[in-house]
Amino acid sequence: MALSYNKLWKILIDKGMNKTDLRIKAGISQATLAKLTKCETVTTETLEKICGCLNCNISDIVDYVEIEDRNNGIQK
């Protein structure tokens, strides 16, 4: 299983913001933004900051999705 931040990118488009705007407004680092872009793990504090600056709930920016194990094709 993994987290997807595709909803976050859609919200940014809808609000006319880019990733740099989000980084500055939410007070997150470039490294954290890169992790979000790659759907890597970030802290709940980061997600709280993003929700606060976008005035949304976590379910508005994150999806929980199944991924396939690349080694044997089994869903995790």
Protein backbone atom coordinates (compact mmCIF):
# COMPACT_ATOMS: atom_id res chain seq x y z
CA MET A 1 0.00 0.00 0.00
CA ALA A 2 1.12 3.54 -0.63
CA LEU A 3 -0.04 7.10 -0.43
CA SER A 4 -0.79 9.15 -3.51
CA TYR A 5 -0.73 12.95 -3.49
CA ASN A 6 -2.45 13.37 -6.86
CA LYS A 7 -5.38 15.11 -5.15
CA LEU A 8 -2.95 17.69 -3.77
CA TRP A 9 -1.68 18.59 -7.24
CA LYS A 10 -5.26 18.95 -8.48
CA ILE A 11 -6.12 21.31 -5.62
CA LEU A 12 -3.08 23.43 -6.47
CA ILE A 13 -4.24 23.68 -10.08
CA ASP A 14 -7.76 24.57 -8.97
CA LYS A 15 -6.40 27.31 -6.68
CA GLY A 16 -4.00 28.64 -9.33
CA MET A 17 -0.97 27.76 -7.21
CA ASN A 18 2.25 26.04 -8.15
CA LYS A 19 4.48 23.84 -6.01
CA THR A 20 6.75 26.73 -5.08
CA ASP A 21 3.76 28.73 -3.85
CA LEU A 22 2.72 25.76 -1.71
CA ARG A 23 6.23 25.30 -0.33
CA ILE A 24 6.49 28.91 0.75
CA LYS A 25 2.94 29.27 2.07
CA ALA A 26 3.02 25.97 4.00
CA GLY A 27 6.57 26.52 5.25
CA ILE A 28 7.95 23.22 4.01
CA SER A 29 11.39 22.54 2.59
CA GLN A 30 12.33 21.82 -1.01
CA ALA A 31 13.36 18.31 0.07
CA THR A 32 9.91 17.68 1.54
CA LEU A 33 8.25 18.97 -1.60
CA ALA A 34 10.41 16.60 -3.64
CA LYS A 35 9.27 13.70 -1.45
CA LEU A 36 5.64 14.65 -2.04
CA THR A 37 6.26 14.81 -5.78
CA LYS A 38 7.70 11.27 -5.67
CA CYS A 39 4.89 9.99 -3.38
CA GLU A 40 7.44 9.25 -0.67
CA THR A 41 6.85 9.30 3.07
CA VAL A 42 6.42 12.68 4.76
CA THR A 43 5.52 13.52 8.34
CA THR A 44 1.99 14.14 9.55
CA GLU A 45 3.24 17.58 10.61
CA THR A 46 3.93 18.31 6.94
CA LEU A 47 0.46 17.17 5.95
CA GLU A 48 -1.02 19.34 8.72
CA LYS A 49 0.85 22.39 7.41
CA ILE A 50 -0.42 21.76 3.89
CA CYS A 51 -4.00 21.25 5.04
CA GLY A 52 -3.77 24.44 7.10
CA CYS A 53 -2.54 26.59 4.25
CA LEU A 54 -5.02 25.11 1.75
CA ASN A 55 -7.89 25.09 4.28
CA CYS A 56 -8.72 21.46 3.58
CA ASN A 57 -8.84 18.01 5.20
CA ILE A 58 -6.18 15.35 4.77
CA SER A 59 -8.60 13.26 2.70
CA ASP A 60 -8.70 16.14 0.22
CA ILE A 61 -4.97 15.79 -0.54
CA VAL A 62 -4.05 12.14 0.09
CA ASP A 63 -5.30 8.79 -1.24
CA TYR A 64 -4.37 5.37 0.07
CA VAL A 65 -3.73 3.08 -2.91
CA GLU A 66 -2.58 -0.48 -3.45
CA ILE A 67 0.69 -1.03 -5.27
CA GLU A 68 2.08 -4.15 -6.84
CA ASP A 69 5.24 -5.71 -5.55
CA ARG A 70 7.67 -5.10 -8.41
CA ASN A 71 9.49 -8.35 -7.72
CA ASN A 72 6.62 -10.77 -8.02
CA GLY A 73 3.51 -8.89 -9.16
CA ILE A 74 1.64 -9.50 -5.90
CA GLN A 75 -0.47 -6.68 -4.56
CA LYS A 76 0.49 -5.52 -1.12
